[in-house]
C-alpha atoms as a PDB file:
ATOM      1  CA  UNK A   1       1.740  13.066 -18.521  1.00  0.00           C
ATOM      2  CA  UNK A   2       3.400  15.521 -15.923  1.00  0.00           C
ATOM      3  CA  UNK A   3       2.201  14.403 -12.760  1.00  0.00           C
ATOM      4  CA  UNK A   4       2.907  16.092  -9.189  1.00  0.00           C
ATOM      5  CA  UNK A   5       4.417  13.299  -7.284  1.00  0.00           C
ATOM      6  CA  UNK A   6       2.661  12.169  -4.165  1.00  0.00           C
ATOM      7  CA  UNK A   7       3.832  13.302  -0.469  1.00  0.00           C
ATOM      8  CA  UNK A   8       3.597  11.980   3.121  1.00  0.00           C
ATOM      9  CA  UNK A   9       1.658   8.759   4.161  1.00  0.00           C
ATOM     10  CA  UNK A  10      -0.430   6.695   1.826  1.00  0.00           C
ATOM     11  CA  UNK A  11      -2.061   3.456   3.910  1.00  0.00           C
ATOM     12  CA  UNK A  12      -3.016   0.150   2.111  1.00  0.00           C
ATOM     13  CA  UNK A  13      -6.398  -0.193   3.902  1.00  0.00           C
ATOM     14  CA  UNK A  14      -7.336  -2.869   5.509  1.00  0.00           C
ATOM     15  CA  UNK A  15     -10.954  -4.367   3.107  1.00  0.00           C
ATOM     16  CA  UNK A  16     -13.496  -4.818   5.909  1.00  0.00           C
ATOM     17  CA  UNK A  17     -15.735  -8.080   5.869  1.00  0.00           C
ATOM     18  CA  UNK A  18     -18.212  -9.810   8.196  1.00  0.00           C
ATOM     19  CA  UNK A  19     -18.606 -13.022  10.050  1.00  0.00           C
ATOM     20  CA  UNK A  20     -19.041 -14.402   7.200  1.00  0.00           C
ATOM     21  CA  UNK A  21     -16.992 -13.329   4.674  1.00  0.00           C
ATOM     22  CA  UNK A  22     -18.704 -10.936   2.397  1.00  0.00           C
ATOM     23  CA  UNK A  23     -18.663  -7.281   2.028  1.00  0.00           C
ATOM     24  CA  UNK A  24     -19.151  -4.668   4.791  1.00  0.00           C
ATOM     25  CA  UNK A  25     -19.122  -1.579   2.770  1.00  0.00           C
ATOM     26  CA  UNK A  26     -20.336   0.756   6.187  1.00  0.00           C
ATOM     27  CA  UNK A  27     -16.909   0.275   7.439  1.00  0.00           C
ATOM     28  CA  UNK A  28     -14.881   2.589   5.077  1.00  0.00           C
ATOM     29  CA  UNK A  29     -16.129   5.330   6.817  1.00  0.00           C
ATOM     30  CA  UNK A  30     -14.445   5.396  10.210  1.00  0.00           C
ATOM     31  CA  UNK A  31     -11.049   3.654   7.876  1.00  0.00           C
ATOM     32  CA  UNK A  32     -11.773   7.180   6.215  1.00  0.00           C
ATOM     33  CA  UNK A  33     -11.873   8.916   8.926  1.00  0.00           C
ATOM     34  CA  UNK A  34      -9.365   7.637  11.113  1.00  0.00           C
ATOM     35  CA  UNK A  35      -6.981   8.488   8.335  1.00  0.00           C
ATOM     36  CA  UNK A  36      -8.023  11.572   7.844  1.00  0.00           C
ATOM     37  CA  UNK A  37      -7.021  12.220  11.815  1.00  0.00           C
ATOM     38  CA  UNK A  38      -4.044  10.726  11.729  1.00  0.00           C
ATOM     39  CA  UNK A  39      -2.501  12.664   8.908  1.00  0.00           C
ATOM     40  CA  UNK A  40      -2.850   9.802   5.764  1.00  0.00           C
ATOM     41  CA  UNK A  41      -3.353  11.723   2.605  1.00  0.00           C
ATOM     42  CA  UNK A  42      -4.339   9.512   0.551  1.00  0.00           C
ATOM     43  CA  UNK A  43      -5.248   5.806  -0.272  1.00  0.00           C
ATOM     44  CA  UNK A  44      -4.271   2.583  -2.073  1.00  0.00           C
ATOM     45  CA  UNK A  45      -7.261   0.157  -1.916  1.00  0.00           C
ATOM     46  CA  UNK A  46      -7.818  -3.810  -3.364  1.00  0.00           C
ATOM     47  CA  UNK A  47      -3.795  -4.201  -2.861  1.00  0.00           C
ATOM     48  CA  UNK A  48      -2.052  -7.141  -0.502  1.00  0.00           C
ATOM     49  CA  UNK A  49      -3.320  -5.286   2.247  1.00  0.00           C
ATOM     50  CA  UNK A  50      -6.443  -5.255   0.923  1.00  0.00           C
ATOM     51  CA  UNK A  51      -6.577  -9.392  -0.518  1.00  0.00           C
ATOM     52  CA  UNK A  52      -7.096  -8.165  -3.590  1.00  0.00           C
ATOM     53  CA  UNK A  53      -6.444 -11.947  -5.130  1.00  0.00           C
ATOM     54  CA  UNK A  54      -9.447 -13.362  -2.748  1.00  0.00           C
ATOM     55  CA  UNK A  55     -12.008 -10.703  -4.175  1.00  0.00           C
ATOM     56  CA  UNK A  56     -14.528 -10.909  -7.646  1.00  0.00           C
ATOM     57  CA  UNK A  57     -13.708  -8.244  -9.378  1.00  0.00           C
ATOM     58  CA  UNK A  58     -17.707  -6.676  -8.852  1.00  0.00           C
ATOM     59  CA  UNK A  59     -15.949  -6.620  -4.819  1.00  0.00           C
ATOM     60  CA  UNK A  60     -13.237  -4.513  -5.894  1.00  0.00           C
ATOM     61  CA  UNK A  61     -15.187  -2.777  -8.002  1.00  0.00           C
ATOM     62  CA  UNK A  62     -17.517  -2.185  -5.208  1.00  0.00           C
ATOM     63  CA  UNK A  63     -14.971  -1.730  -2.709  1.00  0.00           C
ATOM     64  CA  UNK A  64     -12.763   1.027  -5.105  1.00  0.00           C
ATOM     65  CA  UNK A  65     -16.140   3.237  -5.874  1.00  0.00           C
ATOM     66  CA  UNK A  66     -17.122   3.526  -1.959  1.00  0.00           C
ATOM     67  CA  UNK A  67     -13.409   4.359  -0.949  1.00  0.00           C
ATOM     68  CA  UNK A  68     -13.781   6.944  -3.356  1.00  0.00           C
ATOM     69  CA  UNK A  69     -17.649   8.164  -1.923  1.00  0.00           C
ATOM     70  CA  UNK A  70     -16.423   8.866   1.669  1.00  0.00           C
ATOM     71  CA  UNK A  71     -12.951  10.190   0.419  1.00  0.00           C
ATOM     72  CA  UNK A  72     -14.109  13.826  -0.283  1.00  0.00           C
ATOM     73  CA  UNK A  73     -11.409  16.134  -0.252  1.00  0.00           C
ATOM     74  CA  UNK A  74      -9.398  14.752   1.867  1.00  0.00           C
ATOM     75  CA  UNK A  75      -8.748  11.232   0.190  1.00  0.00           C
ATOM     76  CA  UNK A  76      -7.014  10.857  -2.922  1.00  0.00           C
ATOM     77  CA  UNK A  77      -7.778   7.413  -3.899  1.00  0.00           C
ATOM     78  CA  UNK A  78      -5.537   5.466  -5.728  1.00  0.00           C
ATOM     79  CA  UNK A  79      -7.034   2.103  -6.888  1.00  0.00           C
ATOM     80  CA  UNK A  80      -4.529  -1.402  -7.581  1.00  0.00           C
ATOM     81  CA  UNK A  81      -5.858  -3.283 -10.800  1.00  0.00           C
ATOM     82  CA  UNK A  82      -3.407  -6.227 -10.711  1.00  0.00           C
ATOM     83  CA  UNK A  83      -4.367  -9.744 -11.214  1.00  0.00           C
ATOM     84  CA  UNK A  84      -3.660 -12.159 -13.128  1.00  0.00           C
ATOM     85  CA  UNK A  85      -6.467 -12.134 -15.906  1.00  0.00           C
ATOM     86  CA  UNK A  86      -5.339  -8.811 -18.078  1.00  0.00           C
ATOM     87  CA  UNK A  87      -8.980  -8.348 -18.907  1.00  0.00           C
ATOM     88  CA  UNK A  88      -9.891  -8.380 -15.340  1.00  0.00           C
ATOM     89  CA  UNK A  89      -6.748  -5.281 -14.856  1.00  0.00           C
ATOM     90  CA  UNK A  90      -7.737  -3.650 -17.712  1.00  0.00           C
ATOM     91  CA  UNK A  91     -11.531  -3.942 -16.229  1.00  0.00           C
ATOM     92  CA  UNK A  92     -10.428  -1.959 -13.339  1.00  0.00           C
ATOM     93  CA  UNK A  93      -8.123  -0.004 -14.515  1.00  0.00           C
ATOM     94  CA  UNK A  94     -11.560   1.284 -16.700  1.00  0.00           C
ATOM     95  CA  UNK A  95     -13.700   1.990 -13.146  1.00  0.00           C
ATOM     96  CA  UNK A  96     -11.195   3.292 -11.595  1.00  0.00           C
ATOM     97  CA  UNK A  97     -11.030   5.879 -14.211  1.00  0.00           C
ATOM     98  CA  UNK A  98     -15.337   6.188 -14.198  1.00  0.00           C
ATOM     99  CA  UNK A  99     -15.210   6.621 -11.013  1.00  0.00           C
ATOM    100  CA  UNK A 100     -12.460   9.437 -10.836  1.00  0.00           C
ATOM    101  CA  UNK A 101      -9.055   7.668  -8.701  1.00  0.00           C
ATOM    102  CA  UNK A 102      -6.306   9.801  -8.496  1.00  0.00           C
ATOM    103  CA  UNK A 103      -4.463   6.633 -10.109  1.00  0.00           C
ATOM    104  CA  UNK A 104      -4.119   3.074 -10.536  1.00  0.00           C
ATOM    105  CA  UNK A 105      -1.998   0.317 -10.095  1.00  0.00           C
ATOM    106  CA  UNK A 106      -1.024  -2.939 -11.374  1.00  0.00           C
ATOM    107  CA  UNK A 107       1.414  -5.457  -9.967  1.00  0.00           C
ATOM    108  CA  UNK A 108       2.883  -8.381 -12.021  1.00  0.00           C
ATOM    109  CA  UNK A 109       0.833 -11.393 -12.896  1.00  0.00           C
ATOM    110  CA  UNK A 110       1.955 -14.027  -9.973  1.00  0.00           C
ATOM    111  CA  UNK A 111       1.008 -17.228 -12.077  1.00  0.00           C
ATOM    112  CA  UNK A 112       1.649 -17.037 -15.529  1.00  0.00           C
ATOM    113  CA  UNK A 113       5.177 -14.955 -14.711  1.00  0.00           C
ATOM    114  CA  UNK A 114       6.855 -12.702 -17.739  1.00  0.00           C
ATOM    115  CA  UNK A 115      10.408 -12.981 -16.936  1.00  0.00           C
ATOM    116  CA  UNK A 116      10.772 -10.186 -19.353  1.00  0.00           C
ATOM    117  CA  UNK A 117      10.702  -6.471 -18.491  1.00  0.00           C
ATOM    118  CA  UNK A 118       9.510  -6.436 -22.238  1.00  0.00           C
ATOM    119  CA  UNK A 119       6.710  -9.396 -21.355  1.00  0.00           C
ATOM    120  CA  UNK A 120       5.571  -7.200 -18.189  1.00  0.00           C
ATOM    121  CA  UNK A 121       5.457  -3.648 -19.935  1.00  0.00           C
ATOM    122  CA  UNK A 122       3.535  -4.849 -22.345  1.00  0.00           C
ATOM    123  CA  UNK A 123       1.389  -6.444 -20.472  1.00  0.00           C
ATOM    124  CA  UNK A 124       1.224  -3.186 -18.446  1.00  0.00           C
ATOM    125  CA  UNK A 125       1.339  -0.800 -20.354  1.00  0.00           C
ATOM    126  CA  UNK A 126      -2.741  -2.424 -21.733  1.00  0.00           C
ATOM    127  CA  UNK A 127      -3.636  -2.084 -18.226  1.00  0.00           C
ATOM    128  CA  UNK A 128      -2.330   1.467 -18.456  1.00  0.00           C
ATOM    129  CA  UNK A 129      -4.460   2.521 -21.503  1.00  0.00           C
ATOM    130  CA  UNK A 130      -7.607   1.555 -19.792  1.00  0.00           C
ATOM    131  CA  UNK A 131      -7.168   4.342 -17.536  1.00  0.00           C
ATOM    132  CA  UNK A 132      -5.115   6.447 -20.024  1.00  0.00           C
ATOM    133  CA  UNK A 133      -5.636   9.908 -18.132  1.00  0.00           C
ATOM    134  CA  UNK A 134      -4.578   8.436 -15.063  1.00  0.00           C
ATOM    135  CA  UNK A 135      -1.352   8.405 -13.624  1.00  0.00           C
ATOM    136  CA  UNK A 136      -0.252   4.609 -13.431  1.00  0.00           C
ATOM    137  CA  UNK A 137       2.047   3.037 -11.024  1.00  0.00           C
ATOM    138  CA  UNK A 138       3.687   0.213 -11.406  1.00  0.00           C
ATOM    139  CA  UNK A 139       3.892  -1.845  -8.419  1.00  0.00           C
ATOM    140  CA  UNK A 140       7.130  -4.142  -7.533  1.00  0.00           C
ATOM    141  CA  UNK A 141       6.074  -7.278  -4.395  1.00  0.00           C
ATOM    142  CA  UNK A 142       8.495  -9.906  -5.280  1.00  0.00           C
ATOM    143  CA  UNK A 143       7.853 -11.155  -1.985  1.00  0.00           C
ATOM    144  CA  UNK A 144       4.278 -11.852  -3.585  1.00  0.00           C
ATOM    145  CA  UNK A 145       4.290 -12.000  -7.167  1.00  0.00           C
ATOM    146  CA  UNK A 146       7.638 -13.444  -7.347  1.00  0.00           C
ATOM    147  CA  UNK A 147       8.674 -11.699 -10.602  1.00  0.00           C
ATOM    148  CA  UNK A 148      11.579  -9.411  -9.445  1.00  0.00           C
ATOM    149  CA  UNK A 149      12.265  -7.955 -13.032  1.00  0.00           C
ATOM    150  CA  UNK A 150      14.357  -4.156 -11.632  1.00  0.00           C
ATOM    151  CA  UNK A 151      11.946  -2.054 -11.234  1.00  0.00           C
ATOM    152  CA  UNK A 152      13.911   0.937 -12.678  1.00  0.00           C
ATOM    153  CA  UNK A 153      14.362  -1.482 -15.946  1.00  0.00           C
ATOM    154  CA  UNK A 154      10.753  -1.347 -15.833  1.00  0.00           C
ATOM    155  CA  UNK A 155      10.685   2.379 -15.595  1.00  0.00           C
ATOM    156  CA  UNK A 156      12.828   2.505 -19.107  1.00  0.00           C
ATOM    157  CA  UNK A 157      11.495   0.437 -21.065  1.00  0.00           C
ATOM    158  CA  UNK A 158       7.899   1.649 -20.296  1.00  0.00           C
ATOM    159  CA  UNK A 159       8.803   5.182 -20.145  1.00  0.00           C
ATOM    160  CA  UNK A 160       8.126   5.007 -23.787  1.00  0.00           C
ATOM    161  CA  UNK A 161       4.999   2.749 -24.858  1.00  0.00           C
ATOM    162  CA  UNK A 162       2.958   3.794 -21.204  1.00  0.00           C
ATOM    163  CA  UNK A 163       2.131   7.944 -21.621  1.00  0.00           C
ATOM    164  CA  UNK A 164       0.544   7.819 -18.416  1.00  0.00           C
ATOM    165  CA  UNK A 165       3.284   5.850 -16.539  1.00  0.00           C
ATOM    166  CA  UNK A 166       4.474   7.886 -12.925  1.00  0.00           C
ATOM    167  CA  UNK A 167       6.565   6.066 -11.239  1.00  0.00           C
ATOM    168  CA  UNK A 168       6.770   2.668  -8.718  1.00  0.00           C
ATOM    169  CA  UNK A 169       5.211   1.323  -5.427  1.00  0.00           C
ATOM    170  CA  UNK A 170       8.310  -0.581  -4.786  1.00  0.00           C
ATOM    171  CA  UNK A 171       7.851  -2.953  -2.400  1.00  0.00           C
ATOM    172  CA  UNK A 172      11.040  -4.489  -1.935  1.00  0.00           C
ATOM    173  CA  UNK A 173      14.480  -4.350  -0.109  1.00  0.00           C
ATOM    174  CA  UNK A 174      16.776  -3.732  -3.491  1.00  0.00           C
ATOM    175  CA  UNK A 175      17.293   0.368  -2.225  1.00  0.00           C
ATOM    176  CA  UNK A 176      20.326   0.223  -4.780  1.00  0.00           C
ATOM    177  CA  UNK A 177      17.037  -0.616  -7.407  1.00  0.00           C
ATOM    178  CA  UNK A 178      15.461   2.240  -5.609  1.00  0.00           C
ATOM    179  CA  UNK A 179      17.172   5.187  -5.596  1.00  0.00           C
ATOM    180  CA  UNK A 180      18.079   4.040  -9.189  1.00  0.00           C
ATOM    181  CA  UNK A 181      14.382   4.908 -10.034  1.00  0.00           C
ATOM    182  CA  UNK A 182      14.362   7.992  -8.256  1.00  0.00           C
ATOM    183  CA  UNK A 183      17.422   9.310 -10.240  1.00  0.00           C
ATOM    184  CA  UNK A 184      15.856   8.512 -13.845  1.00  0.00           C
ATOM    185  CA  UNK A 185      15.383  10.845 -16.502  1.00  0.00           C
ATOM    186  CA  UNK A 186      16.019  13.823 -13.812  1.00  0.00           C
ATOM    187  CA  UNK A 187      14.172  12.750 -10.948  1.00  0.00           C
ATOM    188  CA  UNK A 188      10.704  12.438 -13.698  1.00  0.00           C
ATOM    189  CA  UNK A 189       9.227   9.021 -11.336  1.00  0.00           C
ATOM    190  CA  UNK A 190       7.245   9.071  -8.172  1.00  0.00           C
ATOM    191  CA  UNK A 191       8.409   6.061  -6.460  1.00  0.00           C
ATOM    192  CA  UNK A 192       6.633   5.814  -3.743  1.00  0.00           C
ATOM    193  CA  UNK A 193       8.748   2.903  -1.050  1.00  0.00           C
ATOM    194  CA  UNK A 194       6.806  -0.039   0.274  1.00  0.00           C
ATOM    195  CA  UNK A 195       8.748  -0.742   3.564  1.00  0.00           C
ATOM    196  CA  UNK A 196       7.584   0.543   6.518  1.00  0.00           C
ATOM    197  CA  UNK A 197      10.290  -1.654   8.974  1.00  0.00           C
ATOM    198  CA  UNK A 198      12.810   0.758   6.607  1.00  0.00           C
ATOM    199  CA  UNK A 199      11.250   3.698   5.669  1.00  0.00           C
ATOM    200  CA  UNK A 200      13.850   5.356   7.513  1.00  0.00           C
ATOM    201  CA  UNK A 201      16.552   4.242   4.128  1.00  0.00           C
ATOM    202  CA  UNK A 202      14.213   5.203   2.064  1.00  0.00           C
ATOM    203  CA  UNK A 203      13.913   8.705   2.843  1.00  0.00           C
ATOM    204  CA  UNK A 204      17.218   8.733   2.667  1.00  0.00           C
ATOM    205  CA  UNK A 205      17.487   8.482  -0.841  1.00  0.00           C
ATOM    206  CA  UNK A 206      15.573  11.232  -1.342  1.00  0.00           C
ATOM    207  CA  UNK A 207      11.811   8.870  -1.013  1.00  0.00           C
ATOM    208  CA  UNK A 208       8.933  11.628  -0.854  1.00  0.00           C
ATOM    209  CA  UNK A 209       6.006   9.440  -0.177  1.00  0.00           C
ATOM    210  CA  UNK A 210       5.419   5.953   1.335  1.00  0.00           C
ATOM    211  CA  UNK A 211       2.832   3.578   0.923  1.00  0.00           C
ATOM    212  CA  UNK A 212       2.192   0.705   4.350  1.00  0.00           C
ATOM    213  CA  UNK A 213      -0.003  -1.496   5.232  1.00  0.00           C
ATOM    214  CA  UNK A 214       0.984  -0.450   9.347  1.00  0.00           C
ATOM    215  CA  UNK A 215       0.142   3.150   8.553  1.00  0.00           C
ATOM    216  CA  UNK A 216      -3.938   1.837   9.412  1.00  0.00           C
ATOM    217  CA  UNK A 217      -2.816   2.072  12.895  1.00  0.00           C
ATOM    218  CA  UNK A 218       0.639   4.078  13.925  1.00  0.00           C
ATOM    219  CA  UNK A 219       0.673   6.493  11.164  1.00  0.00           C
ATOM    220  CA  UNK A 220       1.496   9.431  13.881  1.00  0.00           C
ATOM    221  CA  UNK A 221       4.642   7.014  14.975  1.00  0.00           C
ATOM    222  CA  UNK A 222       5.766   7.036  11.488  1.00  0.00           C
ATOM    223  CA  UNK A 223       5.738  11.173  10.853  1.00  0.00           C
ATOM    224  CA  UNK A 224       7.781  11.662  13.531  1.00  0.00           C
ATOM    225  CA  UNK A 225      10.247   9.530  11.814  1.00  0.00           C
ATOM    226  CA  UNK A 226       9.180  12.251   8.839  1.00  0.00           C
ATOM    227  CA  UNK A 227       9.955  15.159  11.158  1.00  0.00           C
ATOM    228  CA  UNK A 228      13.055  14.142  12.718  1.00  0.00           C
ATOM    229  CA  UNK A 229      14.113  13.311   9.431  1.00  0.00           C
ATOM    230  CA  UNK A 230      13.054  16.654   7.248  1.00  0.00           C
ATOM    231  CA  UNK A 231      15.071  18.591  10.213  1.00  0.00           C
ATOM    232  CA  UNK A 232      18.277  16.073  10.668  1.00  0.00           C
ATOM    233  CA  UNK A 233      17.737  14.549  13.472  1.00  0.00           C
ATOM    234  CA  UNK A 234      18.350  11.215  13.036  1.00  0.00           C
ATOM    235  CA  UNK A 235      19.218   9.622  16.340  1.00  0.00           C
ATOM    236  CA  UNK A 236      15.762  11.665  16.914  1.00  0.00           C
ATOM    237  CA  UNK A 237      14.575   9.127  13.476  1.00  0.00           C
ATOM    238  CA  UNK A 238      16.450   6.002  13.652  1.00  0.00           C
ATOM    239  CA  UNK A 239      14.313   6.244  17.670  1.00  0.00           C
ATOM    240  CA  UNK A 240      10.795   6.331  16.134  1.00  0.00           C
ATOM    241  CA  UNK A 241      11.870   3.318  13.303  1.00  0.00           C
ATOM    242  CA  UNK A 242      12.766   1.109  16.122  1.00  0.00           C
ATOM    243  CA  UNK A 243       9.731   1.908  18.129  1.00  0.00           C
ATOM    244  CA  UNK A 244       7.747   1.105  14.809  1.00  0.00           C
ATOM    245  CA  UNK A 245       9.718  -1.870  14.733  1.00  0.00           C
ATOM    246  CA  UNK A 246       9.488  -3.613  17.596  1.00  0.00           C
ATOM    247  CA  UNK A 247       5.541  -3.352  16.753  1.00  0.00           C
ATOM    248  CA  UNK A 248       5.831  -4.568  13.086  1.00  0.00           C
ATOM    249  CA  UNK A 249       8.192  -7.618  15.004  1.00  0.00           C
ATOM    250  CA  UNK A 250       4.813  -8.221  17.116  1.00  0.00           C
ATOM    251  CA  UNK A 251       2.758  -7.587  13.253  1.00  0.00           C
ATOM    252  CA  UNK A 252       4.632 -10.247  11.183  1.00  0.00           C
ATOM    253  CA  UNK A 253       5.154 -12.799  14.642  1.00  0.00           C
ATOM    254  CA  UNK A 254       1.159 -13.522  14.686  1.00  0.00           C
ATOM    255  CA  UNK A 255      -0.124 -13.425  10.760  1.00  0.00           C
ATOM    256  CA  UNK A 256       0.802  -9.995   9.846  1.00  0.00           C
ATOM    257  CA  UNK A 257      -1.836  -8.805   7.185  1.00  0.00           C
ATOM    258  CA  UNK A 258      -4.541 -11.309   9.846  1.00  0.00           C
ATOM    259  CA  UNK A 259      -2.027  -9.804  12.749  1.00  0.00           C
ATOM    260  CA  UNK A 260      -3.277  -6.183  10.980  1.00  0.00           C
ATOM    261  CA  UNK A 261      -6.531  -6.339  11.049  1.00  0.00           C
ATOM    262  CA  UNK A 262      -6.202  -7.886  14.204  1.00  0.00           C
ATOM    263  CA  UNK A 263      -4.982  -4.676  15.533  1.00  0.00           C
ATOM    264  CA  UNK A 264      -7.492  -2.623  14.356  1.00  0.00           C
ATOM    265  CA  UNK A 265     -10.144  -5.279  16.494  1.00  0.00           C
ATOM    266  CA  UNK A 266      -8.431  -4.501  19.063  1.00  0.00           C
ATOM    267  CA  UNK A 267      -8.252  -0.650  18.463  1.00  0.00           C
ATOM    268  CA  UNK A 268     -12.206  -0.154  18.111  1.00  0.00           C
ATOM    269  CA  UNK A 269     -12.456  -0.633  14.668  1.00  0.00           C
ATOM    270  CA  UNK A 270     -13.413  -3.891  13.595  1.00  0.00           C
ATOM    271  CA  UNK A 271     -12.913  -4.394  10.110  1.00  0.00           C
ATOM    272  CA  UNK A 272     -13.965  -8.389  10.565  1.00  0.00           C
ATOM    273  CA  UNK A 273     -12.061 -11.552   9.263  1.00  0.00           C
ATOM    274  CA  UNK A 274      -9.679 -12.335   6.901  1.00  0.00           C
ATOM    275  CA  UNK A 275     -11.254 -15.114   3.764  1.00  0.00           C
ATOM    276  CA  UNK A 276      -9.284 -18.138   3.131  1.00  0.00           C
ATOM    277  CA  UNK A 277      -6.661 -19.140   3.038  1.00  0.00           C
ATOM    278  CA  UNK A 278      -5.431 -16.999   5.529  1.00  0.00           C
ATOM    279  CA  UNK A 279      -6.811 -17.855   8.959  1.00  0.00           C
ATOM    280  CA  UNK A 280      -8.170 -15.124  11.388  1.00  0.00           C
ATOM    281  CA  UNK A 281      -7.169 -15.091  14.840  1.00  0.00           C
ATOM    282  CA  UNK A 282      -8.843 -17.021  17.585  1.00  0.00           C
ATOM    283  CA  UNK A 283      -9.568 -15.483  21.085  1.00  0.00           C
ATOM    284  CA  UNK A 284      -6.082 -17.937  22.975  1.00  0.00           C
ATOM    285  CA  UNK A 285      -4.123 -15.435  19.423  1.00  0.00           C
ATOM    286  CA  UNK A 286      -5.568 -12.969  20.233  1.00  0.00           C
ATOM    287  CA  UNK A 287      -4.339 -12.589  23.790  1.00  0.00           C
ATOM    288  CA  UNK A 288      -1.440 -13.453  22.893  1.00  0.00           C
ATOM    289  CA  UNK A 289      -0.966 -10.643  19.927  1.00  0.00           C
ATOM    290  CA  UNK A 290      -2.216  -8.383  22.884  1.00  0.00           C
ATOM    291  CA  UNK A 291       0.299  -8.655  25.379  1.00  0.00           C
ATOM    292  CA  UNK A 292       3.155  -8.637  23.057  1.00  0.00           C
ATOM    293  CA  UNK A 293       1.659  -5.413  21.750  1.00  0.00           C
ATOM    294  CA  UNK A 294       1.802  -4.157  25.564  1.00  0.00           C
ATOM    295  CA  UNK A 295       6.138  -5.300  26.125  1.00  0.00           C
ATOM    296  CA  UNK A 296       6.614  -4.190  22.783  1.00  0.00           C
ATOM    297  CA  UNK A 297       4.659  -0.518  24.097  1.00  0.00           C
ATOM    298  CA  UNK A 298       2.760  -0.430  20.996  1.00  0.00           C
ATOM    299  CA  UNK A 299       0.220   1.464  23.320  1.00  0.00           C
ATOM    300  CA  UNK A 300       2.062   3.924  25.274  1.00  0.00           C
ATOM    301  CA  UNK A 301       3.540   4.763  22.045  1.00  0.00           C
ATOM    302  CA  UNK A 302      -0.155   5.663  20.461  1.00  0.00           C
ATOM    303  CA  UNK A 303      -1.039   7.612  24.025  1.00  0.00           C
ATOM    304  CA  UNK A 304       2.151   9.733  23.917  1.00  0.00           C
ATOM    305  CA  UNK A 305       1.482  10.606  20.206  1.00  0.00           C
END
């Protein structure tokens, strides 16, 4: 499959819930409008940021379909189909095809884990085959799955077995592996960089597209990194990466995904609570988060861009 490579910022959106934990699908349209207004080109739905492992298969299908409905021509919708159950992953991939998604991704099963690249490829090959006309991306995220088999090995082994293999969503710090993914087979594969805090490092190695959770609320800062890098202004790119990282430090301090949803609420786009076992910030914690965001110049950065 000859698939054009994705470029620019791709957001990993939060899944909006009501206060009782049920889906709040009506919020998705506002999320989409916000992303488009901030120059985001695509979304990768029902991934880690979307709390995929806390969602049922029918819920994931509802979310993907709703994103596809509201995206129109402004956003490409990539659907994450990864699951610990192969049958469910295939169902999610087939549904992504049915709704007209732009691509499908899948991470490694994280309970019974593949110990060999060949086994991981065999698993993903069946998922990809459920949506044979869609570009398929292996989603490498060992911090969550515990599977750190090299992505470059996956691409080498998978290419003969997965006709629609487009590339990898690379959420890892192994930059040598990332660089190898980009070089393989004369640059055939798309390697989408997934670590917001070292985006500049990914760009220096040749990344064209990037998927991240903080693009939901801080995309303009990353656009400044991209723009500075493209014009050869390394010092400017480093400055904007440092500004983003000051906010990311706050994001991580207050729980990562949980903090991200709280930040969205502070900005007036309430995506609701997180599902247990993740804890939603209480009023005191929200106040602490807001103070730390102010100290990191988050609101000044947003208003200046």
